[in-house]
Every structure is written in structure tokens, then in C-alpha cells.
């Protein structure tokens, strides 16, 4: 349970950071970032695997790059669900998903 809370807090800080860096991604409160991290985790656990399976041929043809599109769609879906979290357009969602993936990879390399 403790590691879940830590992961949730780290994810919300990453989302807030991405919101500050990328024009088009906006959080109106810290609570919105916490809720967005929680919803993004649920969306990634339930909906993302289904999309990955359904789009496997496209993912194979694009050598895995289509997974970035799926990640961006999950971020857009999260923004549609969470109040006070807004993404204006697909390009900011794509850049945000890429940044979130890279930052999560870097943090996992350090054991966080």
C-alpha cells in the first residue's frame, strides 16, 4: 500500500511538471493532478491493454511507434474524465505521453 501511494504521488508530480513544460496541458489544482494520476493508472490498467491487442497489426507495422499514440489517447481520456485537467489538442497529448514515458523510465532506473 505504501509503494502505491508513493507511485501515485510521483506520478502526480510528473504530471504537474509536464503541465508546466508543455503548452496545452493544464492543471488547475494539485488535487486534479492527484486524481489524474489515479485515473490514468486505472485507464492504463483496463483500457490500454484492450487497445494494444486490437491495434497490434498497426503497432507491428510501425515497429511499436503506434504505442505512443495509444499512450496519448489514454492521457486524453484521462483529461476528459478528470475535472480541472485539460489537454488542448492531440499534439500536446502526444508530447506529454512521450515525456511521461521517458520520465517514468528514468525514475524506474533509479528504483523510484
Protein backbone atom coordinates (compact mmCIF):
# COMPACT_ATOMS: atom_id res chain seq x y z
CA UNK A 1 0.00 0.00 0.00
CA UNK A 2 2.86 2.39 0.78
CA UNK A 3 4.51 1.86 -2.59
CA UNK A 4 1.17 2.53 -4.32
CA UNK A 5 0.84 5.88 -2.56
CA UNK A 6 4.44 6.79 -3.39
CA UNK A 7 3.89 5.86 -7.04
CA UNK A 8 0.69 7.91 -7.09
CA UNK A 9 2.46 10.95 -5.64
CA UNK A 10 5.40 10.61 -8.04
CA UNK A 11 3.02 10.27 -11.00
CA UNK A 12 1.11 13.39 -9.95
CA UNK A 13 4.35 15.37 -9.61
CA UNK A 14 5.39 14.18 -13.08
CA UNK A 15 2.01 15.19 -14.49
CA UNK A 16 2.28 18.63 -12.86
CA UNK A 17 5.80 19.02 -14.29
CA UNK A 18 4.58 18.06 -17.75
CA UNK A 19 1.72 20.51 -17.38
CA UNK A 20 4.19 23.30 -16.67
CA UNK A 21 6.54 22.37 -19.52
CA UNK A 22 4.09 21.64 -22.33
CA UNK A 23 1.84 24.36 -23.64
CA UNK A 24 -1.63 22.88 -24.00
CA UNK A 25 -1.65 20.70 -20.87
CA UNK A 26 -3.13 22.43 -17.84
CA UNK A 27 -3.92 21.51 -14.24
CA UNK A 28 -5.95 23.91 -12.17
CA UNK A 29 -5.05 22.31 -8.83
CA UNK A 30 -2.85 19.78 -7.11
CA UNK A 31 -5.93 17.70 -6.40
CA UNK A 32 -6.62 17.49 -10.12
CA UNK A 33 -3.10 16.13 -10.66
CA UNK A 34 -3.57 13.53 -7.92
CA UNK A 35 -6.92 12.46 -9.35
CA UNK A 36 -5.43 12.42 -12.88
CA UNK A 37 -2.60 10.13 -11.74
CA UNK A 38 -5.13 7.76 -10.17
CA UNK A 39 -7.45 7.78 -13.19
CA UNK A 40 -4.52 7.37 -15.59
CA UNK A 41 -3.42 4.30 -13.65
CA UNK A 42 -6.90 2.79 -13.87
CA UNK A 43 -7.26 3.67 -17.57
CA UNK A 44 -3.82 2.18 -18.30
CA UNK A 45 -4.74 -0.98 -16.39
CA UNK A 46 -8.15 -1.56 -18.01
CA UNK A 47 -8.49 0.14 -21.39
CA UNK A 48 -4.89 0.31 -22.65
CA UNK A 49 -4.36 -3.48 -22.83
CA UNK A 50 -7.51 -3.85 -24.92
CA UNK A 51 -6.34 -1.15 -27.33
CA UNK A 52 -2.89 -2.70 -27.56
CA UNK A 53 -4.40 -6.05 -28.53
CA UNK A 54 -6.84 -4.53 -31.02
CA UNK A 55 -4.18 -2.40 -32.71
CA UNK A 56 -1.41 -5.00 -32.70
CA UNK A 57 -1.13 -5.14 -36.53
CA UNK A 58 -0.68 -1.36 -36.74
CA UNK A 59 1.81 -1.46 -33.86
CA UNK A 60 3.75 -4.20 -35.63
CA UNK A 61 3.84 -2.29 -38.92
CA UNK A 62 5.01 0.91 -37.20
CA UNK A 63 7.61 -1.01 -35.17
CA UNK A 64 5.94 -0.07 -31.90
CA UNK A 65 5.59 3.66 -32.51
CA UNK A 66 1.82 3.38 -32.50
CA UNK A 67 2.05 2.69 -28.76
CA UNK A 68 2.85 6.40 -28.34
CA UNK A 69 -0.48 7.19 -29.99
CA UNK A 70 -2.22 4.81 -27.60
CA UNK A 71 -0.48 6.46 -24.63
CA UNK A 72 -1.57 9.88 -25.90
CA UNK A 73 -5.16 8.63 -26.24
CA UNK A 74 -5.06 7.35 -22.65
CA UNK A 75 -3.84 10.76 -21.49
CA UNK A 76 -6.62 12.49 -23.47
CA UNK A 77 -9.20 10.10 -21.99
CA UNK A 78 -7.91 10.88 -18.51
CA UNK A 79 -8.25 14.61 -19.22
CA UNK A 80 -11.82 14.03 -20.40
CA UNK A 81 -12.69 12.25 -17.16
CA UNK A 82 -10.85 14.40 -14.60
CA UNK A 83 -12.24 17.87 -13.87
CA UNK A 84 -9.71 20.74 -13.83
CA UNK A 85 -7.35 18.82 -16.12
CA UNK A 86 -7.32 19.92 -19.72
CA UNK A 87 -5.36 18.96 -22.83
CA UNK A 88 -5.84 21.20 -25.84
CA UNK A 89 -5.23 19.06 -28.90
CA UNK A 90 -3.63 15.79 -29.82
CA UNK A 91 -0.06 17.07 -30.25
CA UNK A 92 0.29 18.22 -26.61
CA UNK A 93 -1.13 14.84 -25.55
CA UNK A 94 1.41 13.03 -27.73
CA UNK A 95 4.33 15.08 -26.42
CA UNK A 96 3.04 14.72 -22.85
CA UNK A 97 2.70 10.94 -23.21
CA UNK A 98 6.23 10.72 -24.60
CA UNK A 99 7.61 12.83 -21.76
CA UNK A 100 5.69 10.84 -19.16
CA UNK A 101 7.02 7.57 -20.58
CA UNK A 102 10.62 8.81 -20.62
CA UNK A 103 10.42 10.28 -17.12
CA UNK A 104 8.84 7.10 -15.74
CA UNK A 105 11.60 5.08 -17.40
CA UNK A 106 14.29 7.29 -15.88
CA UNK A 107 12.72 7.10 -12.43
CA UNK A 108 12.36 3.31 -12.65
CA UNK A 109 16.07 3.09 -13.47
CA UNK A 110 16.74 4.76 -10.12
CA UNK A 111 14.31 2.45 -8.33
CA UNK A 112 11.60 5.04 -7.73
